[in-house]
All heavy atoms as atom14 arrays in JSON, in Angstrom:
{
  "sequence": "RPVTVVVPQAAGGANDAIARVIAQKLSELWGQTVLVENRPGAGGNV",
  "atom14_mask": [
    [1, 1, 1, 1, 1, 1, 1, 1, 1, 1, 1, 0, 0, 0],
    [1, 1, 1, 1, 1, 1, 1, 0, 0, 0, 0, 0, 0, 0],
    [1, 1, 1, 1, 1, 1, 1, 0, 0, 0, 0, 0, 0, 0],
    [1, 1, 1, 1, 1, 1, 1, 0, 0, 0, 0, 0, 0, 0],
    [1, 1, 1, 1, 1, 1, 1, 0, 0, 0, 0, 0, 0, 0],
    [1, 1, 1, 1, 1, 1, 1, 0, 0, 0, 0, 0, 0, 0],
    [1, 1, 1, 1, 1, 1, 1, 0, 0, 0, 0, 0, 0, 0],
    [1, 1, 1, 1, 1, 1, 1, 0, 0, 0, 0, 0, 0, 0],
    [1, 1, 1, 1, 1, 1, 1, 1, 1, 0, 0, 0, 0, 0],
    [1, 1, 1, 1, 1, 0, 0, 0, 0, 0, 0, 0, 0, 0],
    [1, 1, 1, 1, 1, 0, 0, 0, 0, 0, 0, 0, 0, 0],
    [1, 1, 1, 1, 0, 0, 0, 0, 0, 0, 0, 0, 0, 0],
    [1, 1, 1, 1, 0, 0, 0, 0, 0, 0, 0, 0, 0, 0],
    [1, 1, 1, 1, 1, 0, 0, 0, 0, 0, 0, 0, 0, 0],
    [1, 1, 1, 1, 1, 1, 1, 1, 0, 0, 0, 0, 0, 0],
    [1, 1, 1, 1, 1, 1, 1, 1, 0, 0, 0, 0, 0, 0],
    [1, 1, 1, 1, 1, 0, 0, 0, 0, 0, 0, 0, 0, 0],
    [1, 1, 1, 1, 1, 1, 1, 1, 0, 0, 0, 0, 0, 0],
    [1, 1, 1, 1, 1, 0, 0, 0, 0, 0, 0, 0, 0, 0],
    [1, 1, 1, 1, 1, 1, 1, 1, 1, 1, 1, 0, 0, 0],
    [1, 1, 1, 1, 1, 1, 1, 0, 0, 0, 0, 0, 0, 0],
    [1, 1, 1, 1, 1, 1, 1, 1, 0, 0, 0, 0, 0, 0],
    [1, 1, 1, 1, 1, 0, 0, 0, 0, 0, 0, 0, 0, 0],
    [1, 1, 1, 1, 1, 1, 1, 1, 1, 0, 0, 0, 0, 0],
    [1, 1, 1, 1, 1, 1, 1, 1, 1, 0, 0, 0, 0, 0],
    [1, 1, 1, 1, 1, 1, 1, 1, 0, 0, 0, 0, 0, 0],
    [1, 1, 1, 1, 1, 1, 0, 0, 0, 0, 0, 0, 0, 0],
    [1, 1, 1, 1, 1, 1, 1, 1, 1, 0, 0, 0, 0, 0],
    [1, 1, 1, 1, 1, 1, 1, 1, 0, 0, 0, 0, 0, 0],
    [1, 1, 1, 1, 1, 1, 1, 1, 1, 1, 1, 1, 1, 1],
    [1, 1, 1, 1, 0, 0, 0, 0, 0, 0, 0, 0, 0, 0],
    [1, 1, 1, 1, 1, 1, 1, 1, 1, 0, 0, 0, 0, 0],
    [1, 1, 1, 1, 1, 1, 1, 0, 0, 0, 0, 0, 0, 0],
    [1, 1, 1, 1, 1, 1, 1, 0, 0, 0, 0, 0, 0, 0],
    [1, 1, 1, 1, 1, 1, 1, 1, 0, 0, 0, 0, 0, 0],
    [1, 1, 1, 1, 1, 1, 1, 0, 0, 0, 0, 0, 0, 0],
    [1, 1, 1, 1, 1, 1, 1, 1, 1, 0, 0, 0, 0, 0],
    [1, 1, 1, 1, 1, 1, 1, 1, 0, 0, 0, 0, 0, 0],
    [1, 1, 1, 1, 1, 1, 1, 1, 1, 1, 1, 0, 0, 0],
    [1, 1, 1, 1, 1, 1, 1, 0, 0, 0, 0, 0, 0, 0],
    [1, 1, 1, 1, 0, 0, 0, 0, 0, 0, 0, 0, 0, 0],
    [1, 1, 1, 1, 1, 0, 0, 0, 0, 0, 0, 0, 0, 0],
    [1, 1, 1, 1, 0, 0, 0, 0, 0, 0, 0, 0, 0, 0],
    [1, 1, 1, 1, 0, 0, 0, 0, 0, 0, 0, 0, 0, 0],
    [1, 1, 1, 1, 1, 1, 1, 1, 0, 0, 0, 0, 0, 0],
    [1, 1, 1, 1, 1, 1, 1, 0, 0, 0, 0, 0, 0, 0]
  ],
  "atom14_positions": [
    [[14.07, -9.32, -9.11], [14.76, -9.61, -7.84], [14.52, -8.44, -6.88], [13.93, -7.43, -7.27], [16.25, -9.84, -8.08], [16.95, -8.71, -8.84], [18.38, -9.08, -9.17], [19.03, -8.15, -10.08], [19.65, -7.05, -9.72], [19.7, -6.72, -8.41], [20.24, -6.26, -10.61], [0.0, 0.0, 0.0], [0.0, 0.0, 0.0], [0.0, 0.0, 0.0]],
    [[14.94, -8.56, -5.62], [14.68, -7.5, -4.64], [15.24, -6.13, -5.05], [16.27, -6.04, -5.73], [15.38, -8.01, -3.38], [15.33, -9.5, -3.52], [15.54, -9.75, -4.99], [0.0, 0.0, 0.0], [0.0, 0.0, 0.0], [0.0, 0.0, 0.0], [0.0, 0.0, 0.0], [0.0, 0.0, 0.0], [0.0, 0.0, 0.0], [0.0, 0.0, 0.0]],
    [[14.55, -5.09, -4.65], [14.93, -3.71, -4.94], [15.27, -3.01, -3.63], [14.59, -3.2, -2.61], [13.77, -2.95, -5.64], [14.12, -1.47, -5.82], [13.44, -3.6, -6.98], [0.0, 0.0, 0.0], [0.0, 0.0, 0.0], [0.0, 0.0, 0.0], [0.0, 0.0, 0.0], [0.0, 0.0, 0.0], [0.0, 0.0, 0.0], [0.0, 0.0, 0.0]],
    [[16.33, -2.22, -3.65], [16.73, -1.46, -2.46], [16.36, 0.01, -2.63], [16.66, 0.62, -3.66], [18.25, -1.57, -2.21], [18.58, -2.93, -1.94], [18.67, -0.71, -1.02], [0.0, 0.0, 0.0], [0.0, 0.0, 0.0], [0.0, 0.0, 0.0], [0.0, 0.0, 0.0], [0.0, 0.0, 0.0], [0.0, 0.0, 0.0], [0.0, 0.0, 0.0]],
    [[15.7, 0.55, -1.63], [15.36, 1.98, -1.6], [16.24, 2.64, -0.55], [16.12, 2.34, 0.64], [13.88, 2.21, -1.28], [13.6, 3.69, -1.06], [13.01, 1.67, -2.41], [0.0, 0.0, 0.0], [0.0, 0.0, 0.0], [0.0, 0.0, 0.0], [0.0, 0.0, 0.0], [0.0, 0.0, 0.0], [0.0, 0.0, 0.0], [0.0, 0.0, 0.0]],
    [[17.14, 3.49, -0.97], [18.03, 4.18, -0.05], [17.32, 5.4, 0.54], [16.75, 6.21, -0.2], [19.33, 4.63, -0.76], [20.22, 5.44, 0.19], [20.08, 3.42, -1.3], [0.0, 0.0, 0.0], [0.0, 0.0, 0.0], [0.0, 0.0, 0.0], [0.0, 0.0, 0.0], [0.0, 0.0, 0.0], [0.0, 0.0, 0.0], [0.0, 0.0, 0.0]],
    [[17.34, 5.5, 1.86], [16.83, 6.67, 2.56], [18.02, 7.3, 3.28], [18.6, 6.7, 4.18], [15.74, 6.28, 3.59], [15.39, 7.46, 4.48], [14.5, 5.79, 2.87], [0.0, 0.0, 0.0], [0.0, 0.0, 0.0], [0.0, 0.0, 0.0], [0.0, 0.0, 0.0], [0.0, 0.0, 0.0], [0.0, 0.0, 0.0], [0.0, 0.0, 0.0]],
    [[18.42, 8.51, 2.88], [19.63, 9.11, 3.44], [19.42, 9.84, 4.77], [20.21, 10.69, 5.13], [20.08, 10.08, 2.34], [18.83, 10.48, 1.67], [17.92, 9.3, 1.74], [0.0, 0.0, 0.0], [0.0, 0.0, 0.0], [0.0, 0.0, 0.0], [0.0, 0.0, 0.0], [0.0, 0.0, 0.0], [0.0, 0.0, 0.0], [0.0, 0.0, 0.0]],
    [[18.35, 9.47, 5.46], [18.08, 10.01, 6.8], [17.86, 8.85, 7.76], [17.61, 7.72, 7.33], [16.86, 10.94, 6.79], [17.04, 12.24, 6.03], [16.81, 12.09, 4.54], [16.15, 11.16, 4.09], [17.36, 13.01, 3.76], [0.0, 0.0, 0.0], [0.0, 0.0, 0.0], [0.0, 0.0, 0.0], [0.0, 0.0, 0.0], [0.0, 0.0, 0.0]],
    [[17.93, 9.14, 9.05], [17.78, 8.1, 10.06], [16.33, 7.62, 10.15], [15.4, 8.31, 9.73], [18.24, 8.63, 11.42], [0.0, 0.0, 0.0], [0.0, 0.0, 0.0], [0.0, 0.0, 0.0], [0.0, 0.0, 0.0], [0.0, 0.0, 0.0], [0.0, 0.0, 0.0], [0.0, 0.0, 0.0], [0.0, 0.0, 0.0], [0.0, 0.0, 0.0]],
    [[16.16, 6.43, 10.71], [14.81, 5.9, 10.93], [14.06, 6.8, 11.91], [14.65, 7.39, 12.8], [14.91, 4.49, 11.49], [0.0, 0.0, 0.0], [0.0, 0.0, 0.0], [0.0, 0.0, 0.0], [0.0, 0.0, 0.0], [0.0, 0.0, 0.0], [0.0, 0.0, 0.0], [0.0, 0.0, 0.0], [0.0, 0.0, 0.0], [0.0, 0.0, 0.0]],
    [[12.75, 6.9, 11.69], [11.92, 7.68, 12.61], [11.51, 9.04, 12.09], [10.6, 9.67, 12.63], [0.0, 0.0, 0.0], [0.0, 0.0, 0.0], [0.0, 0.0, 0.0], [0.0, 0.0, 0.0], [0.0, 0.0, 0.0], [0.0, 0.0, 0.0], [0.0, 0.0, 0.0], [0.0, 0.0, 0.0], [0.0, 0.0, 0.0], [0.0, 0.0, 0.0]],
    [[12.18, 9.52, 11.05], [11.85, 10.82, 10.48], [10.82, 10.7, 9.36], [10.36, 9.61, 9.02], [0.0, 0.0, 0.0], [0.0, 0.0, 0.0], [0.0, 0.0, 0.0], [0.0, 0.0, 0.0], [0.0, 0.0, 0.0], [0.0, 0.0, 0.0], [0.0, 0.0, 0.0], [0.0, 0.0, 0.0], [0.0, 0.0, 0.0], [0.0, 0.0, 0.0]],
    [[10.45, 11.84, 8.77], [9.42, 11.86, 7.74], [9.8, 11.04, 6.52], [8.99, 10.25, 6.02], [9.13, 13.3, 7.34], [0.0, 0.0, 0.0], [0.0, 0.0, 0.0], [0.0, 0.0, 0.0], [0.0, 0.0, 0.0], [0.0, 0.0, 0.0], [0.0, 0.0, 0.0], [0.0, 0.0, 0.0], [0.0, 0.0, 0.0], [0.0, 0.0, 0.0]],
    [[11.02, 11.23, 6.01], [11.42, 10.54, 4.79], [11.39, 9.02, 4.98], [10.93, 8.28, 4.11], [12.81, 11.0, 4.36], [13.11, 10.66, 2.91], [12.22, 10.6, 2.09], [14.37, 10.42, 2.61], [0.0, 0.0, 0.0], [0.0, 0.0, 0.0], [0.0, 0.0, 0.0], [0.0, 0.0, 0.0], [0.0, 0.0, 0.0], [0.0, 0.0, 0.0]],
    [[11.88, 8.57, 6.12], [11.9, 7.14, 6.42], [10.49, 6.59, 6.48], [10.19, 5.54, 5.9], [12.63, 6.91, 7.75], [12.6, 5.46, 8.18], [13.26, 4.63, 7.54], [11.89, 5.15, 9.17], [0.0, 0.0, 0.0], [0.0, 0.0, 0.0], [0.0, 0.0, 0.0], [0.0, 0.0, 0.0], [0.0, 0.0, 0.0], [0.0, 0.0, 0.0]],
    [[9.59, 7.3, 7.17], [8.22, 6.83, 7.33], [7.5, 6.75, 5.98], [6.82, 5.77, 5.68], [7.45, 7.76, 8.28], [0.0, 0.0, 0.0], [0.0, 0.0, 0.0], [0.0, 0.0, 0.0], [0.0, 0.0, 0.0], [0.0, 0.0, 0.0], [0.0, 0.0, 0.0], [0.0, 0.0, 0.0], [0.0, 0.0, 0.0], [0.0, 0.0, 0.0]],
    [[7.67, 7.78, 5.16], [7.04, 7.8, 3.84], [7.6, 6.69, 2.96], [6.86, 5.97, 2.28], [7.25, 9.17, 3.18], [6.44, 10.24, 3.93], [6.85, 9.14, 1.7], [6.82, 11.66, 3.57], [0.0, 0.0, 0.0], [0.0, 0.0, 0.0], [0.0, 0.0, 0.0], [0.0, 0.0, 0.0], [0.0, 0.0, 0.0], [0.0, 0.0, 0.0]],
    [[8.93, 6.53, 2.97], [9.57, 5.5, 2.14], [9.06, 4.11, 2.5], [8.85, 3.27, 1.61], [11.09, 5.57, 2.31], [0.0, 0.0, 0.0], [0.0, 0.0, 0.0], [0.0, 0.0, 0.0], [0.0, 0.0, 0.0], [0.0, 0.0, 0.0], [0.0, 0.0, 0.0], [0.0, 0.0, 0.0], [0.0, 0.0, 0.0], [0.0, 0.0, 0.0]],
    [[8.84, 3.85, 3.78], [8.39, 2.52, 4.21], [6.95, 2.24, 3.78], [6.61, 1.1, 3.44], [8.58, 2.36, 5.71], [10.05, 2.3, 6.08], [10.32, 2.11, 7.57], [11.76, 2.24, 7.82], [12.64, 1.25, 7.62], [12.22, 0.07, 7.22], [13.93, 1.47, 7.84], [0.0, 0.0, 0.0], [0.0, 0.0, 0.0], [0.0, 0.0, 0.0]],
    [[6.11, 3.26, 3.81], [4.74, 3.09, 3.32], [4.75, 2.75, 1.83], [4.07, 1.82, 1.38], [3.91, 4.37, 3.57], [2.55, 4.26, 2.89], [3.74, 4.61, 5.06], [0.0, 0.0, 0.0], [0.0, 0.0, 0.0], [0.0, 0.0, 0.0], [0.0, 0.0, 0.0], [0.0, 0.0, 0.0], [0.0, 0.0, 0.0], [0.0, 0.0, 0.0]],
    [[5.54, 3.51, 1.06], [5.62, 3.3, -0.39], [6.25, 1.95, -0.71], [5.78, 1.21, -1.59], [6.44, 4.43, -1.05], [5.8, 5.8, -0.79], [6.59, 4.17, -2.54], [4.41, 5.97, -1.34], [0.0, 0.0, 0.0], [0.0, 0.0, 0.0], [0.0, 0.0, 0.0], [0.0, 0.0, 0.0], [0.0, 0.0, 0.0], [0.0, 0.0, 0.0]],
    [[7.34, 1.62, 0.0], [8.05, 0.36, -0.28], [7.17, -0.85, -0.02], [7.2, -1.83, -0.8], [9.32, 0.29, 0.58], [0.0, 0.0, 0.0], [0.0, 0.0, 0.0], [0.0, 0.0, 0.0], [0.0, 0.0, 0.0], [0.0, 0.0, 0.0], [0.0, 0.0, 0.0], [0.0, 0.0, 0.0], [0.0, 0.0, 0.0], [0.0, 0.0, 0.0]],
    [[6.39, -0.81, 1.03], [5.52, -1.94, 1.34], [4.51, -2.18, 0.23], [4.27, -3.33, -0.19], [4.79, -1.7, 2.66], [3.86, -2.84, 3.06], [3.13, -2.6, 4.36], [3.51, -1.75, 5.15], [2.07, -3.35, 4.61], [0.0, 0.0, 0.0], [0.0, 0.0, 0.0], [0.0, 0.0, 0.0], [0.0, 0.0, 0.0], [0.0, 0.0, 0.0]],
    [[3.93, -1.11, -0.28], [2.92, -1.26, -1.34], [3.56, -1.67, -2.66], [2.99, -2.47, -3.42], [2.16, 0.07, -1.5], [0.89, -0.09, -2.32], [-0.11, -1.01, -1.62], [-1.39, -1.17, -2.45], [-2.32, -2.13, -1.81], [0.0, 0.0, 0.0], [0.0, 0.0, 0.0], [0.0, 0.0, 0.0], [0.0, 0.0, 0.0], [0.0, 0.0, 0.0]],
    [[4.76, -1.12, -2.97], [5.46, -1.54, -4.18], [5.81, -3.02, -4.11], [5.73, -3.74, -5.12], [6.74, -0.72, -4.38], [6.6, 0.68, -4.96], [7.97, 1.36, -5.01], [5.97, 0.64, -6.36], [0.0, 0.0, 0.0], [0.0, 0.0, 0.0], [0.0, 0.0, 0.0], [0.0, 0.0, 0.0], [0.0, 0.0, 0.0], [0.0, 0.0, 0.0]],
    [[6.19, -3.48, -2.95], [6.54, -4.89, -2.76], [5.34, -5.78, -3.08], [5.46, -6.82, -3.75], [7.01, -5.13, -1.32], [7.37, -6.48, -1.14], [0.0, 0.0, 0.0], [0.0, 0.0, 0.0], [0.0, 0.0, 0.0], [0.0, 0.0, 0.0], [0.0, 0.0, 0.0], [0.0, 0.0, 0.0], [0.0, 0.0, 0.0], [0.0, 0.0, 0.0]],
    [[4.16, -5.35, -2.64], [2.94, -6.11, -2.93], [2.64, -6.08, -4.43], [2.26, -7.1, -5.01], [1.76, -5.51, -2.15], [1.87, -5.62, -0.64], [0.78, -4.84, 0.07], [-0.16, -4.36, -0.6], [0.87, -4.69, 1.32], [0.0, 0.0, 0.0], [0.0, 0.0, 0.0], [0.0, 0.0, 0.0], [0.0, 0.0, 0.0], [0.0, 0.0, 0.0]],
    [[2.83, -4.92, -5.03], [2.53, -4.76, -6.45], [3.49, -5.55, -7.33], [3.08, -6.16, -8.33], [2.59, -3.27, -6.8], [2.2, -2.86, -8.23], [0.73, -3.16, -8.49], [2.48, -1.37, -8.44], [0.0, 0.0, 0.0], [0.0, 0.0, 0.0], [0.0, 0.0, 0.0], [0.0, 0.0, 0.0], [0.0, 0.0, 0.0], [0.0, 0.0, 0.0]],
    [[4.76, -5.57, -6.96], [5.79, -6.2, -7.77], [6.0, -7.68, -7.46], [6.58, -8.4, -8.26], [7.12, -5.46, -7.6], [7.15, -4.11, -8.25], [6.3, -3.64, -9.22], [8.09, -3.06, -8.0], [6.65, -2.36, -9.57], [7.74, -1.97, -8.85], [9.19, -2.91, -7.14], [8.45, -0.78, -8.86], [9.9, -1.72, -7.15], [9.54, -0.66, -8.0]],
    [[5.57, -8.1, -6.29], [5.84, -9.47, -5.9], [7.31, -9.71, -5.59], [7.81, -10.83, -5.68], [0.0, 0.0, 0.0], [0.0, 0.0, 0.0], [0.0, 0.0, 0.0], [0.0, 0.0, 0.0], [0.0, 0.0, 0.0], [0.0, 0.0, 0.0], [0.0, 0.0, 0.0], [0.0, 0.0, 0.0], [0.0, 0.0, 0.0], [0.0, 0.0, 0.0]],
    [[8.0, -8.63, -5.25], [9.43, -8.69, -4.89], [9.66, -7.87, -3.62], [8.95, -6.89, -3.36], [10.31, -8.12, -6.0], [10.32, -8.92, -7.28], [11.11, -10.22, -7.17], [11.84, -10.43, -6.2], [10.97, -11.11, -8.15], [0.0, 0.0, 0.0], [0.0, 0.0, 0.0], [0.0, 0.0, 0.0], [0.0, 0.0, 0.0], [0.0, 0.0, 0.0]],
    [[10.65, -8.26, -2.84], [11.0, -7.5, -1.64], [11.53, -6.13, -2.03], [12.38, -6.01, -2.92], [12.08, -8.24, -0.82], [11.56, -9.51, -0.42], [12.47, -7.44, 0.41], [0.0, 0.0, 0.0], [0.0, 0.0, 0.0], [0.0, 0.0, 0.0], [0.0, 0.0, 0.0], [0.0, 0.0, 0.0], [0.0, 0.0, 0.0], [0.0, 0.0, 0.0]],
    [[11.01, -5.09, -1.4], [11.53, -3.74, -1.58], [12.07, -3.31, -0.21], [11.31, -3.04, 0.71], [10.44, -2.77, -2.08], [11.03, -1.36, -2.24], [9.85, -3.25, -3.39], [0.0, 0.0, 0.0], [0.0, 0.0, 0.0], [0.0, 0.0, 0.0], [0.0, 0.0, 0.0], [0.0, 0.0, 0.0], [0.0, 0.0, 0.0], [0.0, 0.0, 0.0]],
    [[13.38, -3.31, -0.11], [14.06, -3.09, 1.17], [14.42, -1.62, 1.35], [15.05, -1.01, 0.47], [15.33, -3.94, 1.23], [16.25, -3.73, 2.45], [15.57, -4.26, 3.71], [17.58, -4.43, 2.23], [0.0, 0.0, 0.0], [0.0, 0.0, 0.0], [0.0, 0.0, 0.0], [0.0, 0.0, 0.0], [0.0, 0.0, 0.0], [0.0, 0.0, 0.0]],
    [[14.04, -1.03, 2.48], [14.44, 0.34, 2.81], [15.75, 0.28, 3.57], [15.86, -0.4, 4.6], [13.37, 1.05, 3.65], [13.87, 2.42, 4.12], [12.09, 1.22, 2.84], [0.0, 0.0, 0.0], [0.0, 0.0, 0.0], [0.0, 0.0, 0.0], [0.0, 0.0, 0.0], [0.0, 0.0, 0.0], [0.0, 0.0, 0.0], [0.0, 0.0, 0.0]],
    [[16.76, 0.97, 3.05], [18.09, 0.98, 3.66], [18.44, 2.4, 4.1], [18.62, 3.28, 3.27], [19.12, 0.46, 2.66], [20.54, 0.38, 3.21], [21.51, -0.21, 2.19], [21.15, -1.2, 1.52], [22.62, 0.35, 2.06], [0.0, 0.0, 0.0], [0.0, 0.0, 0.0], [0.0, 0.0, 0.0], [0.0, 0.0, 0.0], [0.0, 0.0, 0.0]],
    [[18.51, 2.62, 5.4], [18.87, 3.94, 5.93], [20.37, 4.14, 5.88], [21.14, 3.31, 6.36], [18.39, 4.09, 7.38], [16.88, 4.02, 7.51], [16.32, 2.94, 7.69], [16.23, 5.15, 7.41], [0.0, 0.0, 0.0], [0.0, 0.0, 0.0], [0.0, 0.0, 0.0], [0.0, 0.0, 0.0], [0.0, 0.0, 0.0], [0.0, 0.0, 0.0]],
    [[20.78, 5.26, 5.28], [22.2, 5.64, 5.21], [22.33, 7.11, 5.6], [22.58, 7.96, 4.74], [22.78, 5.38, 3.82], [23.05, 3.91, 3.53], [23.67, 3.7, 2.16], [24.08, 2.32, 1.97], [25.29, 1.85, 2.2], [26.24, 2.66, 2.64], [25.59, 0.58, 2.01], [0.0, 0.0, 0.0], [0.0, 0.0, 0.0], [0.0, 0.0, 0.0]],
    [[22.12, 7.42, 6.88], [22.17, 8.82, 7.31], [23.59, 9.35, 7.42], [24.56, 8.58, 7.39], [21.49, 8.77, 8.68], [21.81, 7.4, 9.2], [21.8, 6.5, 7.99], [0.0, 0.0, 0.0], [0.0, 0.0, 0.0], [0.0, 0.0, 0.0], [0.0, 0.0, 0.0], [0.0, 0.0, 0.0], [0.0, 0.0, 0.0], [0.0, 0.0, 0.0]],
    [[23.69, 10.65, 7.54], [25.0, 11.29, 7.72], [25.13, 12.54, 6.9], [24.64, 12.6, 5.76], [0.0, 0.0, 0.0], [0.0, 0.0, 0.0], [0.0, 0.0, 0.0], [0.0, 0.0, 0.0], [0.0, 0.0, 0.0], [0.0, 0.0, 0.0], [0.0, 0.0, 0.0], [0.0, 0.0, 0.0], [0.0, 0.0, 0.0], [0.0, 0.0, 0.0]],
    [[25.75, 13.57, 7.48], [26.01, 14.85, 6.79], [24.75, 15.44, 6.2], [24.72, 15.89, 5.05], [27.08, 14.66, 5.71], [0.0, 0.0, 0.0], [0.0, 0.0, 0.0], [0.0, 0.0, 0.0], [0.0, 0.0, 0.0], [0.0, 0.0, 0.0], [0.0, 0.0, 0.0], [0.0, 0.0, 0.0], [0.0, 0.0, 0.0], [0.0, 0.0, 0.0]],
    [[23.67, 15.42, 6.99], [22.44, 16.04, 6.56], [21.78, 15.37, 5.36], [20.99, 15.99, 4.66], [0.0, 0.0, 0.0], [0.0, 0.0, 0.0], [0.0, 0.0, 0.0], [0.0, 0.0, 0.0], [0.0, 0.0, 0.0], [0.0, 0.0, 0.0], [0.0, 0.0, 0.0], [0.0, 0.0, 0.0], [0.0, 0.0, 0.0], [0.0, 0.0, 0.0]],
    [[22.11, 14.11, 5.11], [21.56, 13.39, 3.96], [22.55, 13.2, 2.83], [22.28, 12.47, 1.88], [0.0, 0.0, 0.0], [0.0, 0.0, 0.0], [0.0, 0.0, 0.0], [0.0, 0.0, 0.0], [0.0, 0.0, 0.0], [0.0, 0.0, 0.0], [0.0, 0.0, 0.0], [0.0, 0.0, 0.0], [0.0, 0.0, 0.0], [0.0, 0.0, 0.0]],
    [[23.72, 13.84, 2.92], [24.69, 13.75, 1.83], [25.27, 12.35, 1.66], [25.51, 11.9, 0.54], [25.86, 14.72, 2.07], [25.45, 16.17, 1.87], [24.44, 16.46, 1.24], [26.23, 17.08, 2.43], [0.0, 0.0, 0.0], [0.0, 0.0, 0.0], [0.0, 0.0, 0.0], [0.0, 0.0, 0.0], [0.0, 0.0, 0.0], [0.0, 0.0, 0.0]],
    [[25.48, 11.65, 2.77], [26.12, 10.33, 2.7], [25.28, 9.36, 1.87], [25.75, 8.73, 0.93], [26.36, 9.77, 4.12], [26.83, 8.31, 4.04], [27.4, 10.6, 4.86], [0.0, 0.0, 0.0], [0.0, 0.0, 0.0], [0.0, 0.0, 0.0], [0.0, 0.0, 0.0], [0.0, 0.0, 0.0], [0.0, 0.0, 0.0], [0.0, 0.0, 0.0]]
  ]
}
């Protein structure tokens, strides 16, 4: 079933960009949706 990848920084930064590249390829490899979910706040702590 679908997998969620939590990114604890806002969209547009390095971590978000890297996560989206990886998630897209994993989705193709697994045949399942790999969703990137941004949860920023407190410097990544949230």
